[in-house]
Amino acid sequence: MLAECKYSIVIPVYNEQESLDPLRQNITEAMTEVPGSYEVILIDDGSSDGSKELIQQIASRDPRFRFLVFDRNYGQSPAMAAGFKAAKGDIIITMDADLQVNAHDIPRLLEKLPGFDMVSGYREKRADTWSKRMASKIANAVRNRLTGETIKDTGCPLKVFKKEVLKNMIFFDGMHRFFPTLISMQGYSITEAPIRHFRRQYGYSKYNIHGRLFKTFFDLLGVRWLKKRYLRCQVVLKK
């Protein structure tokens, strides 16, 4: 285990056994372009396909890789929250394990980070079905309308941000869909950067728009309410 590191890459894993070795290779190659030490935290979210065992094997071969294993499937937000809590780096990087985003795009986001507190990737050319692209486009439009944001692609898994933004972060199930809003409402600055997007090579998507539509909408209303009532003030004089 590394004593210290600059970057923590947090990755939820749920039944992604076939993707894990290519993911490890992709990250280790990409991070040679980034100065500074790093760690990768793989959070197994109750996998049943052998992902848990493979994660442990990867970590045993490379001390830069760490793992957390849940007793059952809790979901993406709890996995991320656990990863954030375990992270040692000053800069947090999030991505998925399905290889639809490429770790070689991490430097593109990090280039912008010195001037901002968070850089959110957006998938410039989506390698998804037409129905999935349209669903995402509508969801982003509705989300931006209700939250007052202008984020192109909130659902993009590749994001980088300074760890300090987590200090007062409100953690809840579904939070991963609202990171830009939850961070900007604290007064932190956000920008975006284009990234590449690839078709899924292994396995299948664990999420579908029909199964999460109503839950996401109610979460959105809650976040909108919270943003309007969130307390933020700045003291300019004190004794």
Protein backbone atom coordinates (compact mmCIF):
# COMPACT_ATOMS: atom_id res chain seq x y z
CA MET A 1 0.00 0.00 0.00
CA LEU A 2 1.31 3.44 -0.90
CA ALA A 3 2.18 5.75 1.97
CA GLU A 4 0.98 8.83 0.09
CA CYS A 5 -0.21 9.79 -3.34
CA LYS A 6 -1.33 12.83 -5.30
CA TYR A 7 -4.21 11.27 -7.25
CA SER A 8 -6.92 8.84 -6.21
CA ILE A 9 -8.85 7.15 -9.02
CA VAL A 10 -12.17 5.90 -7.66
CA ILE A 11 -13.94 3.19 -9.69
CA PRO A 12 -17.15 1.34 -8.74
CA VAL A 13 -17.22 -2.23 -10.06
CA TYR A 14 -20.28 -4.40 -10.54
CA ASN A 15 -19.91 -7.59 -12.59
CA GLU A 16 -17.12 -6.28 -14.85
CA GLN A 17 -14.74 -9.24 -14.69
CA GLU A 18 -13.76 -9.18 -18.37
CA SER A 19 -13.02 -5.46 -18.31
CA LEU A 20 -10.77 -5.38 -15.26
CA ASP A 21 -7.42 -6.45 -16.73
CA PRO A 22 -7.78 -4.16 -19.78
CA LEU A 23 -8.84 -1.39 -17.38
CA ARG A 24 -5.73 -1.91 -15.25
CA GLN A 25 -3.53 -1.75 -18.33
CA ASN A 26 -5.31 1.35 -19.64
CA ILE A 27 -4.85 3.21 -16.36
CA THR A 28 -1.21 2.25 -15.79
CA GLU A 29 -0.30 3.32 -19.34
CA ALA A 30 -2.27 6.57 -19.13
CA MET A 31 -0.88 7.64 -15.76
CA THR A 32 2.68 7.57 -17.08
CA GLU A 33 1.66 10.86 -18.75
CA VAL A 34 0.74 12.39 -15.37
CA PRO A 35 3.50 13.52 -12.99
CA GLY A 36 2.98 12.45 -9.39
CA SER A 37 2.03 9.27 -7.58
CA TYR A 38 -1.43 7.76 -7.75
CA GLU A 39 -3.66 5.05 -6.35
CA VAL A 40 -6.63 3.24 -7.85
CA ILE A 41 -9.49 2.28 -5.53
CA LEU A 42 -11.72 -0.44 -6.97
CA ILE A 43 -14.99 -0.81 -5.07
CA ASP A 44 -16.70 -4.14 -5.67
CA ASP A 45 -20.42 -3.49 -5.35
CA GLY A 46 -21.58 -7.03 -4.66
CA SER A 47 -20.39 -8.64 -7.91
CA SER A 48 -21.31 -12.26 -8.61
CA ASP A 49 -19.14 -12.93 -11.68
CA GLY A 50 -15.64 -13.24 -10.19
CA SER A 51 -14.85 -9.49 -10.22
CA LYS A 52 -14.22 -9.53 -6.47
CA GLU A 53 -11.52 -12.22 -6.75
CA LEU A 54 -9.88 -10.57 -9.76
CA ILE A 55 -9.76 -7.19 -8.02
CA GLN A 56 -7.90 -8.78 -5.13
CA GLN A 57 -5.45 -10.44 -7.53
CA ILE A 58 -4.76 -7.12 -9.28
CA ALA A 59 -4.14 -5.42 -5.93
CA SER A 60 -1.78 -8.17 -4.82
CA ARG A 61 0.36 -7.62 -7.94
CA ASP A 62 0.40 -3.82 -7.93
CA PRO A 63 0.43 -1.83 -4.65
CA ARG A 64 -1.03 1.20 -6.46
CA PHE A 65 -4.32 -0.71 -6.69
CA ARG A 66 -6.51 -0.97 -3.61
CA PHE A 67 -9.95 -2.45 -3.14
CA LEU A 68 -13.09 -2.31 -1.05
CA VAL A 69 -15.60 -5.17 -1.15
CA PHE A 70 -19.26 -4.72 -0.24
CA ASP A 71 -21.27 -7.58 1.25
CA ARG A 72 -23.99 -7.03 -1.37
CA ASN A 73 -25.01 -4.70 -4.18
CA TYR A 74 -25.70 -1.19 -2.84
CA GLY A 75 -25.39 0.94 -5.99
CA GLN A 76 -23.05 3.40 -7.63
CA SER A 77 -23.42 6.29 -5.16
CA PRO A 78 -22.63 4.25 -2.02
CA ALA A 79 -19.63 2.75 -3.85
CA MET A 80 -18.33 6.20 -4.75
CA ALA A 81 -18.92 7.53 -1.23
CA ALA A 82 -16.91 4.64 0.22
CA GLY A 83 -14.14 5.25 -2.32
CA PHE A 84 -14.02 8.97 -1.51
CA LYS A 85 -13.72 8.20 2.19
CA ALA A 86 -10.83 5.80 1.56
CA ALA A 87 -9.00 8.10 -0.91
CA LYS A 88 -5.60 9.44 0.11
CA GLY A 89 -4.96 11.73 -2.85
CA ASP A 90 -5.50 15.49 -2.95
CA ILE A 91 -7.11 15.14 -6.37
CA ILE A 92 -9.97 12.71 -6.97
CA ILE A 93 -10.63 11.13 -10.37
CA THR A 94 -13.80 9.15 -11.07
CA MET A 95 -14.45 6.76 -13.93
CA ASP A 96 -16.40 3.59 -14.69
CA ALA A 97 -14.96 0.10 -15.11
CA ASP A 98 -16.69 -0.69 -18.41
CA LEU A 99 -13.96 0.80 -20.70
CA GLN A 100 -16.38 3.18 -22.39
CA VAL A 101 -14.15 6.07 -21.32
CA ASN A 102 -10.37 6.06 -21.71
CA ALA A 103 -7.92 6.90 -18.93
CA HIS A 104 -5.70 8.59 -21.54
CA ASP A 105 -8.20 11.48 -21.42
CA ILE A 106 -7.41 12.13 -17.74
CA PRO A 107 -4.50 14.51 -18.56
CA ARG A 108 -6.88 16.61 -20.69
CA LEU A 109 -9.08 17.20 -17.65
CA LEU A 110 -6.17 17.73 -15.26
CA GLU A 111 -4.79 20.50 -17.50
CA LYS A 112 -7.83 22.61 -16.59
CA LEU A 113 -7.93 21.79 -12.90
CA PRO A 114 -5.48 24.46 -11.64
CA GLY A 115 -8.01 27.15 -12.58
CA PHE A 116 -11.06 25.33 -11.26
CA ASP A 117 -12.17 23.07 -8.43
CA MET A 118 -13.79 20.47 -10.69
CA VAL A 119 -13.51 19.47 -14.34
CA SER A 120 -16.37 17.38 -15.70
CA GLY A 121 -15.84 15.41 -18.88
CA TYR A 122 -18.44 15.36 -21.60
CA ARG A 123 -18.68 12.61 -24.20
CA GLU A 124 -18.13 14.50 -27.45
CA LYS A 125 -19.30 11.67 -29.73
CA ARG A 126 -21.47 9.19 -27.88
CA ALA A 127 -20.96 5.55 -28.92
CA ASP A 128 -24.42 4.57 -27.71
CA THR A 129 -27.70 3.66 -29.35
CA TRP A 130 -29.92 6.45 -30.64
CA SER A 131 -32.47 5.86 -27.88
CA LYS A 132 -29.81 6.09 -25.17
CA ARG A 133 -28.36 9.28 -26.65
CA MET A 134 -31.80 10.89 -26.84
CA ALA A 135 -32.69 9.84 -23.29
CA SER A 136 -29.42 11.36 -22.04
CA LYS A 137 -29.99 14.57 -24.00
CA ILE A 138 -33.48 15.00 -22.57
CA ALA A 139 -32.31 14.16 -19.04
CA ASN A 140 -29.49 16.72 -19.21
CA ALA A 141 -31.87 19.39 -20.53
CA VAL A 142 -34.41 18.79 -17.76
CA ARG A 143 -31.71 18.63 -15.10
CA ASN A 144 -30.14 21.89 -16.26
CA ARG A 145 -33.51 23.61 -16.45
CA LEU A 146 -34.45 22.68 -12.88
CA THR A 147 -31.03 23.23 -11.29
CA GLY A 148 -29.98 26.31 -13.26
CA GLU A 149 -26.82 24.59 -14.49
CA THR A 150 -25.40 24.44 -18.02
CA ILE A 151 -23.57 21.11 -17.80
CA LYS A 152 -23.47 19.30 -21.15
CA ASP A 153 -23.17 15.73 -19.85
CA THR A 154 -23.78 15.21 -16.14
CA GLY A 155 -23.79 11.44 -16.63
CA CYS A 156 -20.23 11.31 -17.96
CA PRO A 157 -18.29 9.13 -15.48
CA LEU A 158 -14.89 10.77 -16.07
CA LYS A 159 -14.48 13.70 -13.68
CA VAL A 160 -11.62 15.22 -11.69
CA PHE A 161 -11.87 17.46 -8.67
CA LYS A 162 -9.96 18.67 -5.66
CA LYS A 163 -10.57 16.60 -2.55
CA GLU A 164 -11.53 19.69 -0.55
CA VAL A 165 -14.88 19.86 -2.37
CA LEU A 166 -15.90 16.69 -0.50
CA LYS A 167 -15.52 18.33 2.91
CA ASN A 168 -19.14 19.50 3.07
CA MET A 169 -20.55 17.22 0.38
CA ILE A 170 -24.00 15.81 1.05
CA PHE A 171 -23.94 12.06 0.38
CA PHE A 172 -27.14 10.30 -0.65
CA ASP A 173 -28.23 7.49 -2.94
CA GLY A 174 -28.20 8.92 -6.48
CA MET A 175 -25.72 11.70 -5.73
CA HIS A 176 -23.41 10.63 -8.57
CA ARG A 177 -25.91 12.10 -11.07
CA PHE A 178 -25.64 15.55 -9.49
CA PHE A 179 -21.96 16.10 -8.73
CA PRO A 180 -21.67 19.42 -10.62
CA THR A 181 -24.70 20.88 -8.82
CA LEU A 182 -23.67 19.58 -5.38
CA ILE A 183 -20.20 21.03 -5.84
CA SER A 184 -21.17 24.37 -7.41
CA MET A 185 -23.77 25.12 -4.71
CA GLN A 186 -20.91 25.16 -2.19
CA GLY A 187 -19.29 27.98 -4.14
CA TYR A 188 -16.70 25.90 -5.98
CA SER A 189 -15.87 26.53 -9.64
CA ILE A 190 -16.57 24.01 -12.43
CA THR A 191 -15.62 23.69 -16.08
CA GLU A 192 -15.93 20.97 -18.71
CA ALA A 193 -13.64 19.22 -21.18
CA PRO A 194 -14.46 16.91 -24.11
CA ILE A 195 -13.48 13.25 -23.92
CA ARG A 196 -13.80 10.23 -26.16
CA HIS A 197 -16.47 7.60 -25.77
CA PHE A 198 -16.35 3.95 -26.86
CA ARG A 199 -18.79 1.12 -27.32
CA ARG A 200 -18.96 -1.39 -24.52
CA GLN A 201 -16.63 -4.33 -25.29
CA TYR A 202 -17.62 -6.74 -22.53
CA GLY A 203 -20.70 -7.50 -20.49
CA TYR A 204 -23.79 -5.33 -20.56
CA SER A 205 -25.03 -2.04 -19.14
CA LYS A 206 -26.29 -2.31 -15.57
CA TYR A 207 -28.52 0.72 -15.94
CA ASN A 208 -31.58 1.47 -18.06
CA ILE A 209 -33.52 4.69 -18.40
CA HIS A 210 -36.89 3.10 -17.64
CA GLY A 211 -35.79 1.60 -14.35
CA ARG A 212 -34.39 4.86 -12.96
CA LEU A 213 -36.52 7.53 -14.64
CA PHE A 214 -38.94 8.32 -11.81
CA LYS A 215 -36.38 7.86 -9.05
CA THR A 216 -33.98 10.24 -10.81
CA PHE A 217 -36.72 12.82 -11.34
CA PHE A 218 -37.69 12.82 -7.67
CA ASP A 219 -34.00 13.06 -6.73
CA LEU A 220 -33.75 16.05 -9.09
CA LEU A 221 -36.64 17.81 -7.35
CA GLY A 222 -34.92 17.21 -4.02
CA VAL A 223 -31.61 18.62 -5.26
CA ARG A 224 -33.41 21.65 -6.70
CA TRP A 225 -35.08 22.26 -3.32
CA LEU A 226 -31.76 21.84 -1.52
CA LYS A 227 -29.91 24.21 -3.84
CA LYS A 228 -32.48 26.96 -3.25
CA ARG A 229 -32.17 26.59 0.54
CA TYR A 230 -28.50 25.71 0.91
CA LEU A 231 -26.80 27.97 3.49
CA ARG A 232 -23.64 29.64 2.27
CA CYS A 233 -22.22 32.86 3.65
CA GLN A 234 -18.86 34.60 3.84
CA VAL A 235 -17.54 36.33 6.95
CA VAL A 236 -15.63 39.51 6.09
CA LEU A 237 -15.06 40.84 9.64
CA LYS A 238 -14.74 39.16 12.98
CA LYS A 239 -13.31 39.85 16.40
